[in-house]
């Protein structure tokens, strides 16, 4: 297990996140790292945004799925990496539950 993954799990356990939430957050970070074949702590704001657009436009993930990824990445960059340059990404809003596709 990598040091980042261990730190993330520790932070989630300290906040008493459920097993399902932990799994979802870890999957969000893993998906980003796998997409670029790069450690998630070395990502640029541009890469993260491009990945989210990739999930939405190319993979055609549901907005709720993209919202879950945003939440997982927000947790990672707020509590594990704490990178001020990525703070705009961390503050991306999840799509509202009432949002309808056209």
PDB file of N, CA and C in Angstrom:
ATOM      1  N   UNK A   1       0.848  -1.175   0.000  1.00  0.00           N
ATOM      2  CA  UNK A   1       0.000   0.000   0.000  1.00  0.00           C
ATOM      3  C   UNK A   1       0.898   1.245   0.000  1.00  0.00           C
ATOM      4  N   UNK A   2       0.537   2.203  -0.836  1.00  0.00           N
ATOM      5  CA  UNK A   2       1.348   3.412  -0.921  1.00  0.00           C
ATOM      6  C   UNK A   2       1.127   4.295   0.303  1.00  0.00           C
ATOM      7  N   UNK A   3       2.074   5.187   0.507  1.00  0.00           N
ATOM      8  CA  UNK A   3       1.998   6.111   1.638  1.00  0.00           C
ATOM      9  C   UNK A   3       0.767   7.023   1.525  1.00  0.00           C
ATOM     10  N   UNK A   4       0.488   7.500   0.300  1.00  0.00           N
ATOM     11  CA  UNK A   4      -0.686   8.366   0.099  1.00  0.00           C
ATOM     12  C   UNK A   4      -1.976   7.630   0.416  1.00  0.00           C
ATOM     13  N   UNK A   5      -2.073   6.384  -0.038  1.00  0.00           N
ATOM     14  CA  UNK A   5      -3.280   5.596   0.217  1.00  0.00           C
ATOM     15  C   UNK A   5      -3.456   5.366   1.719  1.00  0.00           C
ATOM     16  N   UNK A   6      -2.373   5.048   2.398  1.00  0.00           N
ATOM     17  CA  UNK A   6      -2.433   4.848   3.846  1.00  0.00           C
ATOM     18  C   UNK A   6      -2.888   6.120   4.553  1.00  0.00           C
ATOM     19  N   UNK A   7      -2.353   7.261   4.121  1.00  0.00           N
ATOM     20  CA  UNK A   7      -2.723   8.539   4.729  1.00  0.00           C
ATOM     21  C   UNK A   7      -4.199   8.841   4.477  1.00  0.00           C
ATOM     22  N   UNK A   8      -4.663   8.547   3.263  1.00  0.00           N
ATOM     23  CA  UNK A   8      -6.062   8.800   2.939  1.00  0.00           C
ATOM     24  C   UNK A   8      -6.983   7.924   3.785  1.00  0.00           C
ATOM     25  N   UNK A   9      -6.656   6.660   3.903  1.00  0.00           N
ATOM     26  CA  UNK A   9      -7.466   5.746   4.717  1.00  0.00           C
ATOM     27  C   UNK A   9      -7.494   6.216   6.169  1.00  0.00           C
ATOM     28  N   UNK A  10      -6.356   6.637   6.668  1.00  0.00           N
ATOM     29  CA  UNK A  10      -6.291   7.136   8.051  1.00  0.00           C
ATOM     30  C   UNK A  10      -7.205   8.355   8.229  1.00  0.00           C
ATOM     31  N   UNK A  11      -7.135   9.291   7.288  1.00  0.00           N
ATOM     32  CA  UNK A  11      -7.972  10.496   7.372  1.00  0.00           C
ATOM     33  C   UNK A  11      -9.458  10.135   7.312  1.00  0.00           C
ATOM     34  N   UNK A  12      -9.818   9.174   6.480  1.00  0.00           N
ATOM     35  CA  UNK A  12     -11.222   8.781   6.373  1.00  0.00           C
ATOM     36  C   UNK A  12     -11.686   8.079   7.646  1.00  0.00           C
ATOM     37  N   UNK A  13     -10.830   7.234   8.204  1.00  0.00           N
ATOM     38  CA  UNK A  13     -11.194   6.537   9.438  1.00  0.00           C
ATOM     39  C   UNK A  13     -11.333   7.509  10.601  1.00  0.00           C
ATOM     40  N   UNK A  14     -10.472   8.520  10.655  1.00  0.00           N
ATOM     41  CA  UNK A  14     -10.565   9.526  11.713  1.00  0.00           C
ATOM     42  C   UNK A  14     -11.890  10.282  11.649  1.00  0.00           C
ATOM     43  N   UNK A  15     -12.451  10.366  10.449  1.00  0.00           N
ATOM     44  CA  UNK A  15     -13.723  11.067  10.265  1.00  0.00           C
ATOM     45  C   UNK A  15     -14.914  10.110  10.270  1.00  0.00           C
ATOM     46  N   UNK A  16     -14.655   8.872  10.612  1.00  0.00           N
ATOM     47  CA  UNK A  16     -15.696   7.835  10.712  1.00  0.00           C
ATOM     48  C   UNK A  16     -16.530   7.687   9.435  1.00  0.00           C
ATOM     49  N   UNK A  17     -15.860   7.766   8.282  1.00  0.00           N
ATOM     50  CA  UNK A  17     -16.577   7.572   7.023  1.00  0.00           C
ATOM     51  C   UNK A  17     -16.916   6.096   6.862  1.00  0.00           C
ATOM     52  N   UNK A  18     -18.043   5.821   6.275  1.00  0.00           N
ATOM     53  CA  UNK A  18     -18.476   4.431   6.097  1.00  0.00           C
ATOM     54  C   UNK A  18     -17.550   3.701   5.139  1.00  0.00           C
ATOM     55  N   UNK A  19     -17.604   2.378   5.183  1.00  0.00           N
ATOM     56  CA  UNK A  19     -16.794   1.552   4.284  1.00  0.00           C
ATOM     57  C   UNK A  19     -17.107   1.872   2.830  1.00  0.00           C
ATOM     58  N   UNK A  20     -18.382   2.047   2.510  1.00  0.00           N
ATOM     59  CA  UNK A  20     -18.770   2.351   1.131  1.00  0.00           C
ATOM     60  C   UNK A  20     -18.219   3.704   0.690  1.00  0.00           C
ATOM     61  N   UNK A  21     -18.282   4.689   1.566  1.00  0.00           N
ATOM     62  CA  UNK A  21     -17.742   6.006   1.246  1.00  0.00           C
ATOM     63  C   UNK A  21     -16.236   5.922   1.041  1.00  0.00           C
ATOM     64  N   UNK A  22     -15.558   5.205   1.903  1.00  0.00           N
ATOM     65  CA  UNK A  22     -14.115   5.045   1.768  1.00  0.00           C
ATOM     66  C   UNK A  22     -13.763   4.386   0.440  1.00  0.00           C
ATOM     67  N   UNK A  23     -14.500   3.358   0.089  1.00  0.00           N
ATOM     68  CA  UNK A  23     -14.269   2.652  -1.170  1.00  0.00           C
ATOM     69  C   UNK A  23     -14.483   3.598  -2.359  1.00  0.00           C
ATOM     70  N   UNK A  24     -15.546   4.387  -2.304  1.00  0.00           N
ATOM     71  CA  UNK A  24     -15.870   5.328  -3.370  1.00  0.00           C
ATOM     72  C   UNK A  24     -14.781   6.393  -3.521  1.00  0.00           C
ATOM     73  N   UNK A  25     -14.332   6.956  -2.416  1.00  0.00           N
ATOM     74  CA  UNK A  25     -13.299   7.987  -2.460  1.00  0.00           C
ATOM     75  C   UNK A  25     -11.978   7.429  -2.993  1.00  0.00           C
ATOM     76  N   UNK A  26     -11.616   6.235  -2.533  1.00  0.00           N
ATOM     77  CA  UNK A  26     -10.384   5.612  -3.016  1.00  0.00           C
ATOM     78  C   UNK A  26     -10.475   5.326  -4.512  1.00  0.00           C
ATOM     79  N   UNK A  27     -11.642   4.894  -4.968  1.00  0.00           N
ATOM     80  CA  UNK A  27     -11.828   4.613  -6.384  1.00  0.00           C
ATOM     81  C   UNK A  27     -11.719   5.892  -7.217  1.00  0.00           C
ATOM     82  N   UNK A  28     -12.221   6.991  -6.696  1.00  0.00           N
ATOM     83  CA  UNK A  28     -12.136   8.273  -7.413  1.00  0.00           C
ATOM     84  C   UNK A  28     -10.681   8.669  -7.637  1.00  0.00           C
ATOM     85  N   UNK A  29      -9.877   8.562  -6.606  1.00  0.00           N
ATOM     86  CA  UNK A  29      -8.460   8.932  -6.705  1.00  0.00           C
ATOM     87  C   UNK A  29      -7.711   7.938  -7.581  1.00  0.00           C
ATOM     88  N   UNK A  30      -8.017   6.653  -7.420  1.00  0.00           N
ATOM     89  CA  UNK A  30      -7.378   5.613  -8.230  1.00  0.00           C
ATOM     90  C   UNK A  30      -7.693   5.828  -9.715  1.00  0.00           C
ATOM     91  N   UNK A  31      -8.934   6.163 -10.035  1.00  0.00           N
ATOM     92  CA  UNK A  31      -9.324   6.382 -11.426  1.00  0.00           C
ATOM     93  C   UNK A  31      -8.532   7.513 -12.060  1.00  0.00           C
ATOM     94  N   UNK A  32      -8.349   8.599 -11.321  1.00  0.00           N
ATOM     95  CA  UNK A  32      -7.567   9.728 -11.808  1.00  0.00           C
ATOM     96  C   UNK A  32      -6.117   9.310 -12.048  1.00  0.00           C
ATOM     97  N   UNK A  33      -5.521   8.637 -11.077  1.00  0.00           N
ATOM     98  CA  UNK A  33      -4.122   8.209 -11.193  1.00  0.00           C
ATOM     99  C   UNK A  33      -3.941   7.220 -12.345  1.00  0.00           C
ATOM    100  N   UNK A  34      -4.870   6.305 -12.486  1.00  0.00           N
ATOM    101  CA  UNK A  34      -4.792   5.306 -13.556  1.00  0.00           C
ATOM    102  C   UNK A  34      -4.941   5.963 -14.927  1.00  0.00           C
ATOM    103  N   UNK A  35      -5.834   6.932 -15.034  1.00  0.00           N
ATOM    104  CA  UNK A  35      -6.069   7.614 -16.307  1.00  0.00           C
ATOM    105  C   UNK A  35      -4.791   8.255 -16.843  1.00  0.00           C
ATOM    106  N   UNK A  36      -4.031   8.881 -15.962  1.00  0.00           N
ATOM    107  CA  UNK A  36      -2.805   9.575 -16.370  1.00  0.00           C
ATOM    108  C   UNK A  36      -1.537   8.766 -16.105  1.00  0.00           C
ATOM    109  N   UNK A  37      -1.685   7.618 -15.439  1.00  0.00           N
ATOM    110  CA  UNK A  37      -0.520   6.808 -15.076  1.00  0.00           C
ATOM    111  C   UNK A  37       0.496   7.669 -14.313  1.00  0.00           C
ATOM    112  N   UNK A  38      -0.037   8.409 -13.331  1.00  0.00           N
ATOM    113  CA  UNK A  38       0.759   9.370 -12.568  1.00  0.00           C
ATOM    114  C   UNK A  38       0.191   9.444 -11.155  1.00  0.00           C
ATOM    115  N   UNK A  39       1.053   9.713 -10.200  1.00  0.00           N
ATOM    116  CA  UNK A  39       0.600   9.853  -8.822  1.00  0.00           C
ATOM    117  C   UNK A  39      -0.387  11.020  -8.714  1.00  0.00           C
ATOM    118  N   UNK A  40      -1.478  10.836  -7.977  1.00  0.00           N
ATOM    119  CA  UNK A  40      -2.479  11.905  -7.883  1.00  0.00           C
ATOM    120  C   UNK A  40      -1.979  13.164  -7.189  1.00  0.00           C
ATOM    121  N   UNK A  41      -0.926  13.067  -6.413  1.00  0.00           N
ATOM    122  CA  UNK A  41      -0.404  14.266  -5.754  1.00  0.00           C
ATOM    123  C   UNK A  41       0.452  15.102  -6.701  1.00  0.00           C
ATOM    124  N   UNK A  42       0.670  14.618  -7.924  1.00  0.00           N
ATOM    125  CA  UNK A  42       1.470  15.349  -8.911  1.00  0.00           C
ATOM    126  C   UNK A  42       0.604  15.919 -10.035  1.00  0.00           C
ATOM    127  N   UNK A  43      -0.705  15.896  -9.858  1.00  0.00           N
ATOM    128  CA  UNK A  43      -1.625  16.364 -10.896  1.00  0.00           C
ATOM    129  C   UNK A  43      -1.741  17.884 -10.894  1.00  0.00           C
ATOM    130  N   UNK A  44      -1.972  18.404 -12.082  1.00  0.00           N
ATOM    131  CA  UNK A  44      -2.246  19.836 -12.209  1.00  0.00           C
ATOM    132  C   UNK A  44      -3.758  20.043 -12.192  1.00  0.00           C
ATOM    133  N   UNK A  45      -4.152  21.264 -11.946  1.00  0.00           N
ATOM    134  CA  UNK A  45      -5.568  21.630 -11.982  1.00  0.00           C
ATOM    135  C   UNK A  45      -6.152  21.273 -13.350  1.00  0.00           C
ATOM    136  N   UNK A  46      -5.423  21.576 -14.395  1.00  0.00           N
ATOM    137  CA  UNK A  46      -5.871  21.307 -15.767  1.00  0.00           C
ATOM    138  C   UNK A  46      -6.135  19.812 -15.985  1.00  0.00           C
ATOM    139  N   UNK A  47      -5.240  18.977 -15.510  1.00  0.00           N
ATOM    140  CA  UNK A  47      -5.405  17.530 -15.691  1.00  0.00           C
ATOM    141  C   UNK A  47      -6.646  17.022 -14.955  1.00  0.00           C
ATOM    142  N   UNK A  48      -6.859  17.520 -13.761  1.00  0.00           N
ATOM    143  CA  UNK A  48      -8.019  17.077 -12.984  1.00  0.00           C
ATOM    144  C   UNK A  48      -9.304  17.496 -13.681  1.00  0.00           C
ATOM    145  N   UNK A  49      -9.347  18.741 -14.134  1.00  0.00           N
ATOM    146  CA  UNK A  49     -10.536  19.206 -14.844  1.00  0.00           C
ATOM    147  C   UNK A  49     -10.755  18.428 -16.141  1.00  0.00           C
ATOM    148  N   UNK A  50      -9.664  18.160 -16.872  1.00  0.00           N
ATOM    149  CA  UNK A  50      -9.770  17.383 -18.109  1.00  0.00           C
ATOM    150  C   UNK A  50     -10.286  15.975 -17.829  1.00  0.00           C
ATOM    151  N   UNK A  51      -9.848  15.393 -16.730  1.00  0.00           N
ATOM    152  CA  UNK A  51     -10.315  14.054 -16.354  1.00  0.00           C
ATOM    153  C   UNK A  51     -11.814  14.070 -16.068  1.00  0.00           C
ATOM    154  N   UNK A  52     -12.275  15.079 -15.355  1.00  0.00           N
ATOM    155  CA  UNK A  52     -13.708  15.179 -15.051  1.00  0.00           C
ATOM    156  C   UNK A  52     -14.527  15.358 -16.333  1.00  0.00           C
ATOM    157  N   UNK A  53     -14.022  16.153 -17.260  1.00  0.00           N
ATOM    158  CA  UNK A  53     -14.702  16.316 -18.546  1.00  0.00           C
ATOM    159  C   UNK A  53     -14.682  15.009 -19.343  1.00  0.00           C
ATOM    160  N   UNK A  54     -13.585  14.275 -19.257  1.00  0.00           N
ATOM    161  CA  UNK A  54     -13.480  12.967 -19.910  1.00  0.00           C
ATOM    162  C   UNK A  54     -14.560  12.016 -19.380  1.00  0.00           C
ATOM    163  N   UNK A  55     -14.731  11.995 -18.074  1.00  0.00           N
ATOM    164  CA  UNK A  55     -15.751  11.124 -17.484  1.00  0.00           C
ATOM    165  C   UNK A  55     -17.143  11.512 -17.973  1.00  0.00           C
ATOM    166  N   UNK A  56     -17.382  12.797 -18.057  1.00  0.00           N
ATOM    167  CA  UNK A  56     -18.702  13.290 -18.437  1.00  0.00           C
ATOM    168  C   UNK A  56     -18.975  13.133 -19.928  1.00  0.00           C
ATOM    169  N   UNK A  57     -18.044  13.587 -20.767  1.00  0.00           N
ATOM    170  CA  UNK A  57     -18.293  13.648 -22.203  1.00  0.00           C
ATOM    171  C   UNK A  57     -17.938  12.370 -22.954  1.00  0.00           C
ATOM    172  N   UNK A  58     -16.780  11.810 -22.674  1.00  0.00           N
ATOM    173  CA  UNK A  58     -16.322  10.648 -23.436  1.00  0.00           C
ATOM    174  C   UNK A  58     -16.832   9.332 -22.856  1.00  0.00           C
ATOM    175  N   UNK A  59     -16.768   9.200 -21.551  1.00  0.00           N
ATOM    176  CA  UNK A  59     -17.245   7.965 -20.914  1.00  0.00           C
ATOM    177  C   UNK A  59     -18.742   8.014 -20.663  1.00  0.00           C
ATOM    178  N   UNK A  60     -19.315   9.224 -20.790  1.00  0.00           N
ATOM    179  CA  UNK A  60     -20.755   9.437 -20.618  1.00  0.00           C
ATOM    180  C   UNK A  60     -21.268   8.936 -19.261  1.00  0.00           C
ATOM    181  N   UNK A  61     -20.441   9.179 -18.232  1.00  0.00           N
ATOM    182  CA  UNK A  61     -20.872   8.836 -16.876  1.00  0.00           C
ATOM    183  C   UNK A  61     -22.032   9.728 -16.469  1.00  0.00           C
ATOM    184  N   UNK A  62     -22.908   9.197 -15.654  1.00  0.00           N
ATOM    185  CA  UNK A  62     -24.022   9.976 -15.116  1.00  0.00           C
ATOM    186  C   UNK A  62     -23.466  11.112 -14.265  1.00  0.00           C
ATOM    187  N   UNK A  63     -24.225  12.191 -14.197  1.00  0.00           N
ATOM    188  CA  UNK A  63     -23.779  13.342 -13.405  1.00  0.00           C
ATOM    189  C   UNK A  63     -23.601  12.975 -11.933  1.00  0.00           C
ATOM    190  N   UNK A  64     -24.401  12.046 -11.443  1.00  0.00           N
ATOM    191  CA  UNK A  64     -24.230  11.620 -10.051  1.00  0.00           C
ATOM    192  C   UNK A  64     -22.898  10.898  -9.864  1.00  0.00           C
ATOM    193  N   UNK A  65     -22.479  10.149 -10.871  1.00  0.00           N
ATOM    194  CA  UNK A  65     -21.185   9.462 -10.809  1.00  0.00           C
ATOM    195  C   UNK A  65     -20.055  10.474 -10.813  1.00  0.00           C
ATOM    196  N   UNK A  66     -20.130  11.451 -11.704  1.00  0.00           N
ATOM    197  CA  UNK A  66     -19.108  12.502 -11.753  1.00  0.00           C
ATOM    198  C   UNK A  66     -19.113  13.276 -10.435  1.00  0.00           C
ATOM    199  N   UNK A  67     -20.279  13.517  -9.887  1.00  0.00           N
ATOM    200  CA  UNK A  67     -20.372  14.190  -8.595  1.00  0.00           C
ATOM    201  C   UNK A  67     -19.683  13.410  -7.491  1.00  0.00           C
ATOM    202  N   UNK A  68     -19.816  12.094  -7.516  1.00  0.00           N
ATOM    203  CA  UNK A  68     -19.146  11.247  -6.522  1.00  0.00           C
ATOM    204  C   UNK A  68     -17.633  11.321  -6.678  1.00  0.00           C
ATOM    205  N   UNK A  69     -17.164  11.363  -7.912  1.00  0.00           N
ATOM    206  CA  UNK A  69     -15.726  11.490  -8.160  1.00  0.00           C
ATOM    207  C   UNK A  69     -15.229  12.834  -7.643  1.00  0.00           C
ATOM    208  N   UNK A  70     -15.976  13.892  -7.910  1.00  0.00           N
ATOM    209  CA  UNK A  70     -15.607  15.221  -7.407  1.00  0.00           C
ATOM    210  C   UNK A  70     -15.501  15.206  -5.887  1.00  0.00           C
ATOM    211  N   UNK A  71     -16.455  14.569  -5.231  1.00  0.00           N
ATOM    212  CA  UNK A  71     -16.441  14.513  -3.770  1.00  0.00           C
ATOM    213  C   UNK A  71     -15.214  13.765  -3.263  1.00  0.00           C
ATOM    214  N   UNK A  72     -14.882  12.645  -3.894  1.00  0.00           N
ATOM    215  CA  UNK A  72     -13.700  11.876  -3.503  1.00  0.00           C
ATOM    216  C   UNK A  72     -12.414  12.652  -3.716  1.00  0.00           C
ATOM    217  N   UNK A  73     -12.323  13.334  -4.859  1.00  0.00           N
ATOM    218  CA  UNK A  73     -11.129  14.135  -5.135  1.00  0.00           C
ATOM    219  C   UNK A  73     -11.040  15.332  -4.203  1.00  0.00           C
ATOM    220  N   UNK A  74     -12.180  15.927  -3.907  1.00  0.00           N
ATOM    221  CA  UNK A  74     -12.208  17.056  -2.972  1.00  0.00           C
ATOM    222  C   UNK A  74     -11.654  16.611  -1.613  1.00  0.00           C
ATOM    223  N   UNK A  75     -12.103  15.446  -1.136  1.00  0.00           N
ATOM    224  CA  UNK A  75     -11.597  14.936   0.140  1.00  0.00           C
ATOM    225  C   UNK A  75     -10.086  14.741   0.061  1.00  0.00           C
ATOM    226  N   UNK A  76      -9.628  14.112  -1.002  1.00  0.00           N
ATOM    227  CA  UNK A  76      -8.197  13.822  -1.162  1.00  0.00           C
ATOM    228  C   UNK A  76      -7.356  15.097  -1.137  1.00  0.00           C
ATOM    229  N   UNK A  77      -7.761  16.081  -1.937  1.00  0.00           N
ATOM    230  CA  UNK A  77      -6.953  17.300  -2.025  1.00  0.00           C
ATOM    231  C   UNK A  77      -7.135  18.235  -0.835  1.00  0.00           C
ATOM    232  N   UNK A  78      -8.226  18.109  -0.099  1.00  0.00           N
ATOM    233  CA  UNK A  78      -8.421  18.926   1.106  1.00  0.00           C
ATOM    234  C   UNK A  78      -7.751  18.330   2.331  1.00  0.00           C
ATOM    235  N   UNK A  79      -7.769  17.004   2.466  1.00  0.00           N
ATOM    236  CA  UNK A  79      -7.346  16.374   3.717  1.00  0.00           C
ATOM    237  C   UNK A  79      -6.093  15.518   3.619  1.00  0.00           C
ATOM    238  N   UNK A  80      -5.702  15.144   2.417  1.00  0.00           N
ATOM    239  CA  UNK A  80      -4.536  14.270   2.276  1.00  0.00           C
ATOM    240  C   UNK A  80      -3.356  15.036   1.690  1.00  0.00           C
ATOM    241  N   UNK A  81      -3.557  15.685   0.570  1.00  0.00           N
ATOM    242  CA  UNK A  81      -2.475  16.403  -0.096  1.00  0.00           C
ATOM    243  C   UNK A  81      -2.394  17.850   0.376  1.00  0.00           C
ATOM    244  N   UNK A  82      -3.526  18.501   0.525  1.00  0.00           N
ATOM    245  CA  UNK A  82      -3.635  19.902   0.948  1.00  0.00           C
ATOM    246  C   UNK A  82      -2.734  20.781   0.063  1.00  0.00           C
ATOM    247  N   UNK A  83      -3.161  20.925  -1.179  1.00  0.00           N
ATOM    248  CA  UNK A  83      -2.418  21.695  -2.168  1.00  0.00           C
ATOM    249  C   UNK A  83      -3.218  22.944  -2.522  1.00  0.00           C
ATOM    250  N   UNK A  84      -2.697  24.097  -2.166  1.00  0.00           N
ATOM    251  CA  UNK A  84      -3.401  25.360  -2.405  1.00  0.00           C
ATOM    252  C   UNK A  84      -3.647  25.621  -3.887  1.00  0.00           C
ATOM    253  N   UNK A  85      -2.737  25.165  -4.751  1.00  0.00           N
ATOM    254  CA  UNK A  85      -2.913  25.395  -6.191  1.00  0.00           C
ATOM    255  C   UNK A  85      -4.100  24.608  -6.744  1.00  0.00           C
ATOM    256  N   UNK A  86      -4.465  23.537  -6.083  1.00  0.00           N
ATOM    257  CA  UNK A  86      -5.580  22.725  -6.555  1.00  0.00           C
ATOM    258  C   UNK A  86      -6.881  23.101  -5.874  1.00  0.00           C
ATOM    259  N   UNK A  87      -6.856  24.108  -5.018  1.00  0.00           N
ATOM    260  CA  UNK A  87      -8.070  24.463  -4.292  1.00  0.00           C
ATOM    261  C   UNK A  87      -9.238  24.831  -5.200  1.00  0.00           C
ATOM    262  N   UNK A  88      -9.039  25.462  -6.378  1.00  0.00           N
ATOM    263  CA  UNK A  88     -10.210  25.702  -7.232  1.00  0.00           C
ATOM    264  C   UNK A  88     -10.885  24.400  -7.661  1.00  0.00           C
ATOM    265  N   UNK A  89     -10.106  23.377  -7.905  1.00  0.00           N
ATOM    266  CA  UNK A  89     -10.674  22.077  -8.282  1.00  0.00           C
ATOM    267  C   UNK A  89     -11.429  21.485  -7.106  1.00  0.00           C
ATOM    268  N   UNK A  90     -10.868  21.636  -5.947  1.00  0.00           N
ATOM    269  CA  UNK A  90     -11.490  21.088  -4.750  1.00  0.00           C
ATOM    270  C   UNK A  90     -12.856  21.719  -4.520  1.00  0.00           C
ATOM    271  N   UNK A  91     -13.030  22.942  -4.958  1.00  0.00           N
ATOM    272  CA  UNK A  91     -14.289  23.641  -4.730  1.00  0.00           C
ATOM    273  C   UNK A  91     -15.278  23.491  -5.876  1.00  0.00           C
ATOM    274  N   UNK A  92     -14.994  22.610  -6.832  1.00  0.00           N
ATOM    275  CA  UNK A  92     -15.973  22.335  -7.880  1.00  0.00           C
ATOM    276  C   UNK A  92     -17.258  21.848  -7.235  1.00  0.00           C
ATOM    277  N   UNK A  93     -18.346  22.234  -7.790  1.00  0.00           N
ATOM    278  CA  UNK A  93     -19.639  21.849  -7.236  1.00  0.00           C
ATOM    279  C   UNK A  93     -20.148  20.578  -7.897  1.00  0.00           C
ATOM    280  N   UNK A  94     -20.727  19.735  -7.104  1.00  0.00           N
ATOM    281  CA  UNK A  94     -21.406  18.566  -7.653  1.00  0.00           C
ATOM    282  C   UNK A  94     -22.654  19.063  -8.378  1.00  0.00           C
ATOM    283  N   UNK A  95     -23.066  18.349  -9.433  1.00  0.00           N
ATOM    284  CA  UNK A  95     -24.300  18.739 -10.098  1.00  0.00           C
ATOM    285  C   UNK A  95     -25.477  18.600  -9.138  1.00  0.00           C
ATOM    286  N   UNK A  96     -26.455  19.502  -9.204  1.00  0.00           N
ATOM    287  CA  UNK A  96     -27.607  19.385  -8.319  1.00  0.00           C
ATOM    288  C   UNK A  96     -28.395  18.115  -8.615  1.00  0.00           C
ATOM    289  N   UNK A  97     -29.001  17.552  -7.605  1.00  0.00           N
ATOM    290  CA  UNK A  97     -29.761  16.300  -7.762  1.00  0.00           C
ATOM    291  C   UNK A  97     -30.896  16.460  -8.758  1.00  0.00           C
ATOM    292  N   UNK A  98     -31.415  17.655  -8.896  1.00  0.00           N
ATOM    293  CA  UNK A  98     -32.545  17.882  -9.775  1.00  0.00           C
ATOM    294  C   UNK A  98     -32.127  18.133 -11.226  1.00  0.00           C
ATOM    295  N   UNK A  99     -30.813  18.142 -11.503  1.00  0.00           N
ATOM    296  CA  UNK A  99     -30.345  18.439 -12.843  1.00  0.00           C
ATOM    297  C   UNK A  99     -30.795  17.363 -13.818  1.00  0.00           C
ATOM    298  N   UNK A 100     -31.334  17.764 -14.937  1.00  0.00           N
ATOM    299  CA  UNK A 100     -31.799  16.831 -15.970  1.00  0.00           C
ATOM    300  C   UNK A 100     -30.890  16.947 -17.176  1.00  0.00           C
ATOM    301  N   UNK A 101     -30.627  15.820 -17.810  1.00  0.00           N
ATOM    302  CA  UNK A 101     -29.879  15.836 -19.074  1.00  0.00           C
ATOM    303  C   UNK A 101     -30.790  16.324 -20.178  1.00  0.00           C
ATOM    304  N   UNK A 102     -30.207  16.977 -21.175  1.00  0.00           N
ATOM    305  CA  UNK A 102     -30.975  17.458 -22.331  1.00  0.00           C
ATOM    306  C   UNK A 102     -31.070  16.390 -23.377  1.00  0.00           C
TER     307      UNK A 102
END
